[in-house]
Amino acid sequence: MVTFAKALTHPAAKPLVFAAALLPFVSLTYGAFTNGLGANPAEYLIRATGDWTLRFVCIALAVTPLRTITGTLALTRFRRMLGLFAYFYVLLHLLSYAWFDMGFDVPDIAKDIAKRPFILVGFAAFVLLTPLAATSFNRAIRWLGTRRWQMLHRLVYVIAGLGLLHFFWMRAGKNNFAEVGVYAAIVALLLGLRLKERLRKRRAAAIAN
């Protein structure tokens, strides 16, 4: 019988996870070409790509706590890919906004970012996520050094917070906070688990010394 941990190390595991992570993009592309995105397809694409960005940030954040809780080290194999998919969907989100809302008018986009706080916060999250995506390969780890690379990638906590604030302000106009609350609870739980594990390691190191 093939165990879950062994299945994760199978050569087909990464391609399958890659294909699964690409399904939302395929679905949105198909919907765009078949007029299946509702009465306002531009708004649908902007919202959907933003939602999937936040979901992949949560999924990537979940890898380390799940690895710790289950003892399944093979989960780490997928963390980098999932983080890059978060960047892929935030790029689509930004592209959809710049294209459908602003017509690629750069001066108007700059004014809109400066004028509307929820867009400024979302853009800040994108800017912070960019160096994480750019250093998500082994050569960057060697170049930066493990310690500096880890410190840089802790920006994911700030990015998750900015993403939640961006999402909150978007929903505030319609007084629809239920979904925001769900994401906030998930992020708080995941960050709490990471913090708990970090404190446990520090206590263990202090005892050992």
C-alpha atoms as a PDB file:
ATOM      1  CA  MET A   1       0.000   0.000   0.000  1.00  0.00           C
ATOM      2  CA  VAL A   2       1.373   3.414  -1.035  1.00  0.00           C
ATOM      3  CA  THR A   3       1.517   5.838   1.871  1.00  0.00           C
ATOM      4  CA  PHE A   4       0.719   9.555   1.555  1.00  0.00           C
ATOM      5  CA  ALA A   5       4.342  10.484   2.270  1.00  0.00           C
ATOM      6  CA  LYS A   6       5.602   8.082  -0.405  1.00  0.00           C
ATOM      7  CA  ALA A   7       3.068   9.379  -2.926  1.00  0.00           C
ATOM      8  CA  LEU A   8       4.432  12.894  -2.410  1.00  0.00           C
ATOM      9  CA  THR A   9       7.901  11.759  -3.473  1.00  0.00           C
ATOM     10  CA  HIS A  10       6.641  10.069  -6.649  1.00  0.00           C
ATOM     11  CA  PRO A  11       7.994  11.661  -9.877  1.00  0.00           C
ATOM     12  CA  ALA A  12       4.420  12.406 -10.975  1.00  0.00           C
ATOM     13  CA  ALA A  13       3.531  14.303  -7.778  1.00  0.00           C
ATOM     14  CA  LYS A  14       4.966  17.673  -8.784  1.00  0.00           C
ATOM     15  CA  PRO A  15       3.450  17.671 -12.297  1.00  0.00           C
ATOM     16  CA  LEU A  16       0.072  16.760 -10.788  1.00  0.00           C
ATOM     17  CA  VAL A  17       0.249  19.582  -8.224  1.00  0.00           C
ATOM     18  CA  PHE A  18       1.364  21.966 -10.996  1.00  0.00           C
ATOM     19  CA  ALA A  19      -1.596  20.937 -13.170  1.00  0.00           C
ATOM     20  CA  ALA A  20      -4.023  21.306 -10.249  1.00  0.00           C
ATOM     21  CA  ALA A  21      -2.691  24.776  -9.427  1.00  0.00           C
ATOM     22  CA  LEU A  22      -3.126  25.779 -13.068  1.00  0.00           C
ATOM     23  CA  LEU A  23      -6.790  24.708 -13.207  1.00  0.00           C
ATOM     24  CA  PRO A  24      -8.200  28.081 -12.025  1.00  0.00           C
ATOM     25  CA  PHE A  25      -6.291  29.838 -14.829  1.00  0.00           C
ATOM     26  CA  VAL A  26      -7.573  27.319 -17.383  1.00  0.00           C
ATOM     27  CA  SER A  27     -11.134  27.740 -16.083  1.00  0.00           C
ATOM     28  CA  LEU A  28     -10.945  31.546 -16.229  1.00  0.00           C
ATOM     29  CA  THR A  29      -9.414  31.484 -19.714  1.00  0.00           C
ATOM     30  CA  TYR A  30     -12.109  29.118 -20.950  1.00  0.00           C
ATOM     31  CA  GLY A  31     -14.808  31.296 -19.381  1.00  0.00           C
ATOM     32  CA  ALA A  32     -13.373  34.418 -21.012  1.00  0.00           C
ATOM     33  CA  PHE A  33     -13.444  32.843 -24.476  1.00  0.00           C
ATOM     34  CA  THR A  34     -16.907  31.321 -24.067  1.00  0.00           C
ATOM     35  CA  ASN A  35     -18.624  34.329 -22.430  1.00  0.00           C
ATOM     36  CA  GLY A  36     -19.006  32.349 -19.224  1.00  0.00           C
ATOM     37  CA  LEU A  37     -17.873  35.004 -16.749  1.00  0.00           C
ATOM     38  CA  GLY A  38     -21.208  36.712 -16.193  1.00  0.00           C
ATOM     39  CA  ALA A  39     -22.489  40.166 -17.049  1.00  0.00           C
ATOM     40  CA  ASN A  40     -19.231  41.899 -16.080  1.00  0.00           C
ATOM     41  CA  PRO A  41     -16.372  39.597 -17.136  1.00  0.00           C
ATOM     42  CA  ALA A  42     -13.679  42.210 -16.414  1.00  0.00           C
ATOM     43  CA  GLU A  43     -14.758  42.575 -12.788  1.00  0.00           C
ATOM     44  CA  TYR A  44     -15.100  38.806 -12.482  1.00  0.00           C
ATOM     45  CA  LEU A  45     -11.521  38.267 -13.690  1.00  0.00           C
ATOM     46  CA  ILE A  46     -10.114  40.924 -11.358  1.00  0.00           C
ATOM     47  CA  ARG A  47     -11.952  39.483  -8.352  1.00  0.00           C
ATOM     48  CA  ALA A  48     -11.234  35.840  -9.210  1.00  0.00           C
ATOM     49  CA  THR A  49      -7.488  36.312  -9.755  1.00  0.00           C
ATOM     50  CA  GLY A  50      -7.296  38.269  -6.487  1.00  0.00           C
ATOM     51  CA  ASP A  51      -9.127  35.493  -4.646  1.00  0.00           C
ATOM     52  CA  TRP A  52      -6.803  32.850  -6.045  1.00  0.00           C
ATOM     53  CA  THR A  53      -3.759  34.904  -5.071  1.00  0.00           C
ATOM     54  CA  LEU A  54      -4.900  34.962  -1.450  1.00  0.00           C
ATOM     55  CA  ARG A  55      -5.776  31.268  -1.551  1.00  0.00           C
ATOM     56  CA  PHE A  56      -2.323  30.313  -2.799  1.00  0.00           C
ATOM     57  CA  VAL A  57      -0.661  32.507  -0.183  1.00  0.00           C
ATOM     58  CA  CYS A  58      -2.669  30.579   2.434  1.00  0.00           C
ATOM     59  CA  ILE A  59      -1.821  27.226   0.836  1.00  0.00           C
ATOM     60  CA  ALA A  60       1.903  28.077   0.709  1.00  0.00           C
ATOM     61  CA  LEU A  61       1.798  29.227   4.340  1.00  0.00           C
ATOM     62  CA  ALA A  62       0.110  25.955   5.308  1.00  0.00           C
ATOM     63  CA  VAL A  63       2.960  23.761   4.067  1.00  0.00           C
ATOM     64  CA  THR A  64       5.314  24.236   7.041  1.00  0.00           C
ATOM     65  CA  PRO A  65       2.667  23.762   9.783  1.00  0.00           C
ATOM     66  CA  LEU A  66       1.285  20.685   7.996  1.00  0.00           C
ATOM     67  CA  ARG A  67       4.795  19.274   7.638  1.00  0.00           C
ATOM     68  CA  THR A  68       5.398  19.810  11.363  1.00  0.00           C
ATOM     69  CA  ILE A  69       2.056  18.390  12.487  1.00  0.00           C
ATOM     70  CA  THR A  70       2.114  15.345  10.206  1.00  0.00           C
ATOM     71  CA  GLY A  71       5.872  14.769  10.154  1.00  0.00           C
ATOM     72  CA  THR A  72       5.683  14.591   6.352  1.00  0.00           C
ATOM     73  CA  LEU A  73       8.916  16.203   5.212  1.00  0.00           C
ATOM     74  CA  ALA A  74       8.065  15.608   1.546  1.00  0.00           C
ATOM     75  CA  LEU A  75       5.493  18.419   1.703  1.00  0.00           C
ATOM     76  CA  THR A  76       8.394  20.886   1.570  1.00  0.00           C
ATOM     77  CA  ARG A  77       8.952  19.875  -2.074  1.00  0.00           C
ATOM     78  CA  PHE A  78       5.829  21.796  -3.075  1.00  0.00           C
ATOM     79  CA  ARG A  79       6.202  25.003  -1.023  1.00  0.00           C
ATOM     80  CA  ARG A  80       8.269  26.866  -3.601  1.00  0.00           C
ATOM     81  CA  MET A  81       5.947  25.947  -6.457  1.00  0.00           C
ATOM     82  CA  LEU A  82       2.857  26.995  -4.507  1.00  0.00           C
ATOM     83  CA  GLY A  83       4.462  30.312  -3.593  1.00  0.00           C
ATOM     84  CA  LEU A  84       5.283  30.954  -7.248  1.00  0.00           C
ATOM     85  CA  PHE A  85       1.687  30.217  -8.183  1.00  0.00           C
ATOM     86  CA  ALA A  86       0.619  32.906  -5.682  1.00  0.00           C
ATOM     87  CA  TYR A  87       2.863  35.295  -7.627  1.00  0.00           C
ATOM     88  CA  PHE A  88       1.473  34.047 -10.942  1.00  0.00           C
ATOM     89  CA  TYR A  89      -2.084  34.814  -9.879  1.00  0.00           C
ATOM     90  CA  VAL A  90      -1.182  38.208  -8.402  1.00  0.00           C
ATOM     91  CA  LEU A  91       0.421  39.079 -11.741  1.00  0.00           C
ATOM     92  CA  LEU A  92      -2.825  38.103 -13.476  1.00  0.00           C
ATOM     93  CA  HIS A  93      -4.739  40.169 -10.903  1.00  0.00           C
ATOM     94  CA  LEU A  94      -2.586  43.242 -11.553  1.00  0.00           C
ATOM     95  CA  LEU A  95      -2.708  42.690 -15.321  1.00  0.00           C
ATOM     96  CA  SER A  96      -6.518  42.377 -15.273  1.00  0.00           C
ATOM     97  CA  TYR A  97      -6.812  45.645 -13.310  1.00  0.00           C
ATOM     98  CA  ALA A  98      -4.298  47.493 -15.523  1.00  0.00           C
ATOM     99  CA  TRP A  99      -5.928  46.237 -18.731  1.00  0.00           C
ATOM    100  CA  PHE A 100      -9.662  46.099 -18.077  1.00  0.00           C
ATOM    101  CA  ASP A 101     -10.021  48.921 -15.549  1.00  0.00           C
ATOM    102  CA  MET A 102      -7.312  51.309 -16.697  1.00  0.00           C
ATOM    103  CA  GLY A 103      -6.604  50.445 -20.341  1.00  0.00           C
ATOM    104  CA  PHE A 104      -2.843  50.248 -19.626  1.00  0.00           C
ATOM    105  CA  ASP A 105      -2.768  54.023 -19.065  1.00  0.00           C
ATOM    106  CA  VAL A 106       0.327  54.196 -16.835  1.00  0.00           C
ATOM    107  CA  PRO A 107      -0.139  57.781 -15.535  1.00  0.00           C
ATOM    108  CA  ASP A 108      -3.778  57.002 -14.637  1.00  0.00           C
ATOM    109  CA  ILE A 109      -2.728  53.749 -12.962  1.00  0.00           C
ATOM    110  CA  ALA A 110      -0.126  55.621 -10.869  1.00  0.00           C
ATOM    111  CA  LYS A 111      -2.733  58.221  -9.843  1.00  0.00           C
ATOM    112  CA  ASP A 112      -5.265  55.509  -9.000  1.00  0.00           C
ATOM    113  CA  ILE A 113      -2.754  53.621  -6.829  1.00  0.00           C
ATOM    114  CA  ALA A 114      -1.862  56.808  -4.932  1.00  0.00           C
ATOM    115  CA  LYS A 115      -5.510  57.894  -4.575  1.00  0.00           C
ATOM    116  CA  ARG A 116      -7.220  54.685  -3.442  1.00  0.00           C
ATOM    117  CA  PRO A 117      -5.817  53.083  -0.247  1.00  0.00           C
ATOM    118  CA  PHE A 118      -7.023  49.540  -1.005  1.00  0.00           C
ATOM    119  CA  ILE A 119      -5.212  49.585  -4.361  1.00  0.00           C
ATOM    120  CA  LEU A 120      -2.087  51.058  -2.747  1.00  0.00           C
ATOM    121  CA  VAL A 121      -2.065  48.268  -0.142  1.00  0.00           C
ATOM    122  CA  GLY A 122      -2.605  45.605  -2.808  1.00  0.00           C
ATOM    123  CA  PHE A 123       0.190  47.055  -4.942  1.00  0.00           C
ATOM    124  CA  ALA A 124       2.496  47.117  -1.908  1.00  0.00           C
ATOM    125  CA  ALA A 125       1.799  43.402  -1.376  1.00  0.00           C
ATOM    126  CA  PHE A 126       2.686  42.753  -5.030  1.00  0.00           C
ATOM    127  CA  VAL A 127       5.941  44.720  -4.722  1.00  0.00           C
ATOM    128  CA  LEU A 128       6.948  42.788  -1.590  1.00  0.00           C
ATOM    129  CA  LEU A 129       6.057  39.460  -3.177  1.00  0.00           C
ATOM    130  CA  THR A 130       8.253  40.152  -6.214  1.00  0.00           C
ATOM    131  CA  PRO A 131      11.661  39.641  -4.494  1.00  0.00           C
ATOM    132  CA  LEU A 132      10.340  36.450  -2.892  1.00  0.00           C
ATOM    133  CA  ALA A 133       9.414  35.080  -6.313  1.00  0.00           C
ATOM    134  CA  ALA A 134      12.725  36.276  -7.791  1.00  0.00           C
ATOM    135  CA  THR A 135      14.734  34.429  -5.121  1.00  0.00           C
ATOM    136  CA  SER A 136      12.744  31.178  -5.154  1.00  0.00           C
ATOM    137  CA  PHE A 137      15.530  29.093  -6.641  1.00  0.00           C
ATOM    138  CA  ASN A 138      18.601  27.349  -5.259  1.00  0.00           C
ATOM    139  CA  ARG A 139      21.160  29.732  -6.745  1.00  0.00           C
ATOM    140  CA  ALA A 140      19.507  32.676  -4.956  1.00  0.00           C
ATOM    141  CA  ILE A 141      19.685  30.793  -1.639  1.00  0.00           C
ATOM    142  CA  ARG A 142      23.416  30.185  -2.169  1.00  0.00           C
ATOM    143  CA  TRP A 143      23.981  33.809  -3.221  1.00  0.00           C
ATOM    144  CA  LEU A 144      22.068  35.340  -0.294  1.00  0.00           C
ATOM    145  CA  GLY A 145      23.022  32.742   2.286  1.00  0.00           C
ATOM    146  CA  THR A 146      20.445  30.682   4.131  1.00  0.00           C
ATOM    147  CA  ARG A 147      19.988  33.144   7.011  1.00  0.00           C
ATOM    148  CA  ARG A 148      19.425  36.224   4.831  1.00  0.00           C
ATOM    149  CA  TRP A 149      17.212  34.226   2.460  1.00  0.00           C
ATOM    150  CA  GLN A 150      15.039  33.099   5.372  1.00  0.00           C
ATOM    151  CA  MET A 151      14.786  36.661   6.708  1.00  0.00           C
ATOM    152  CA  LEU A 152      13.736  37.930   3.276  1.00  0.00           C
ATOM    153  CA  HIS A 153      11.087  35.241   2.897  1.00  0.00           C
ATOM    154  CA  ARG A 154       9.568  36.117   6.262  1.00  0.00           C
ATOM    155  CA  LEU A 155       8.058  39.036   4.354  1.00  0.00           C
ATOM    156  CA  VAL A 156       5.325  36.538   3.498  1.00  0.00           C
ATOM    157  CA  TYR A 157       3.752  37.371   6.872  1.00  0.00           C
ATOM    158  CA  VAL A 158       3.563  41.066   5.940  1.00  0.00           C
ATOM    159  CA  ILE A 159       2.300  40.173   2.464  1.00  0.00           C
ATOM    160  CA  ALA A 160      -0.482  38.024   3.899  1.00  0.00           C
ATOM    161  CA  GLY A 161      -1.524  40.893   6.174  1.00  0.00           C
ATOM    162  CA  LEU A 162      -1.533  43.409   3.328  1.00  0.00           C
ATOM    163  CA  GLY A 163      -3.481  40.987   1.148  1.00  0.00           C
ATOM    164  CA  LEU A 164      -6.116  40.623   3.860  1.00  0.00           C
ATOM    165  CA  LEU A 165      -6.354  44.399   4.292  1.00  0.00           C
ATOM    166  CA  HIS A 166      -6.712  44.844   0.525  1.00  0.00           C
ATOM    167  CA  PHE A 167      -9.474  42.226   0.494  1.00  0.00           C
ATOM    168  CA  PHE A 168     -11.176  43.791   3.537  1.00  0.00           C
ATOM    169  CA  TRP A 169     -11.308  47.246   1.945  1.00  0.00           C
ATOM    170  CA  MET A 170     -12.673  45.771  -1.287  1.00  0.00           C
ATOM    171  CA  ARG A 171     -15.511  44.085   0.616  1.00  0.00           C
ATOM    172  CA  ALA A 172     -16.125  47.057   2.924  1.00  0.00           C
ATOM    173  CA  GLY A 173     -18.117  48.920   0.276  1.00  0.00           C
ATOM    174  CA  LYS A 174     -20.696  46.140   0.242  1.00  0.00           C
ATOM    175  CA  ASN A 175     -20.489  45.370   3.982  1.00  0.00           C
ATOM    176  CA  ASN A 176     -19.578  41.788   3.060  1.00  0.00           C
ATOM    177  CA  PHE A 177     -17.034  40.611   5.605  1.00  0.00           C
ATOM    178  CA  ALA A 178     -17.871  36.914   5.963  1.00  0.00           C
ATOM    179  CA  GLU A 179     -15.295  35.721   3.427  1.00  0.00           C
ATOM    180  CA  VAL A 180     -12.704  38.145   4.776  1.00  0.00           C
ATOM    181  CA  GLY A 181     -13.235  36.685   8.239  1.00  0.00           C
ATOM    182  CA  VAL A 182     -12.628  33.160   6.946  1.00  0.00           C
ATOM    183  CA  TYR A 183      -9.312  34.128   5.314  1.00  0.00           C
ATOM    184  CA  ALA A 184      -8.263  36.139   8.371  1.00  0.00           C
ATOM    185  CA  ALA A 185      -8.948  33.153  10.638  1.00  0.00           C
ATOM    186  CA  ILE A 186      -6.951  30.828   8.349  1.00  0.00           C
ATOM    187  CA  VAL A 187      -3.971  33.201   8.169  1.00  0.00           C
ATOM    188  CA  ALA A 188      -4.061  33.817  11.946  1.00  0.00           C
ATOM    189  CA  LEU A 189      -4.114  30.069  12.608  1.00  0.00           C
ATOM    190  CA  LEU A 190      -1.244  29.351  10.213  1.00  0.00           C
ATOM    191  CA  LEU A 191       0.913  32.171  11.542  1.00  0.00           C
ATOM    192  CA  GLY A 192       0.102  31.135  15.113  1.00  0.00           C
ATOM    193  CA  LEU A 193       1.240  27.570  14.389  1.00  0.00           C
ATOM    194  CA  ARG A 194       4.465  28.842  12.831  1.00  0.00           C
ATOM    195  CA  LEU A 195       5.137  31.104  15.798  1.00  0.00           C
ATOM    196  CA  LYS A 196       4.461  28.268  18.230  1.00  0.00           C
ATOM    197  CA  GLU A 197       6.934  26.013  16.412  1.00  0.00           C
ATOM    198  CA  ARG A 198       9.564  28.747  16.340  1.00  0.00           C
ATOM    199  CA  LEU A 199       9.209  29.332  20.089  1.00  0.00           C
ATOM    200  CA  ARG A 200       9.447  25.571  20.679  1.00  0.00           C
ATOM    201  CA  LYS A 201      12.720  25.424  18.743  1.00  0.00           C
ATOM    202  CA  ARG A 202      14.126  28.375  20.665  1.00  0.00           C
ATOM    203  CA  ARG A 203      13.256  26.756  24.007  1.00  0.00           C
ATOM    204  CA  ALA A 204      14.812  23.480  22.871  1.00  0.00           C
ATOM    205  CA  ALA A 205      17.985  25.279  21.783  1.00  0.00           C
ATOM    206  CA  ALA A 206      18.155  27.167  25.092  1.00  0.00           C
ATOM    207  CA  ILE A 207      17.829  23.911  27.045  1.00  0.00           C
ATOM    208  CA  ALA A 208      20.471  22.236  24.885  1.00  0.00           C
ATOM    209  CA  ASN A 209      22.893  25.062  25.600  1.00  0.00           C
END
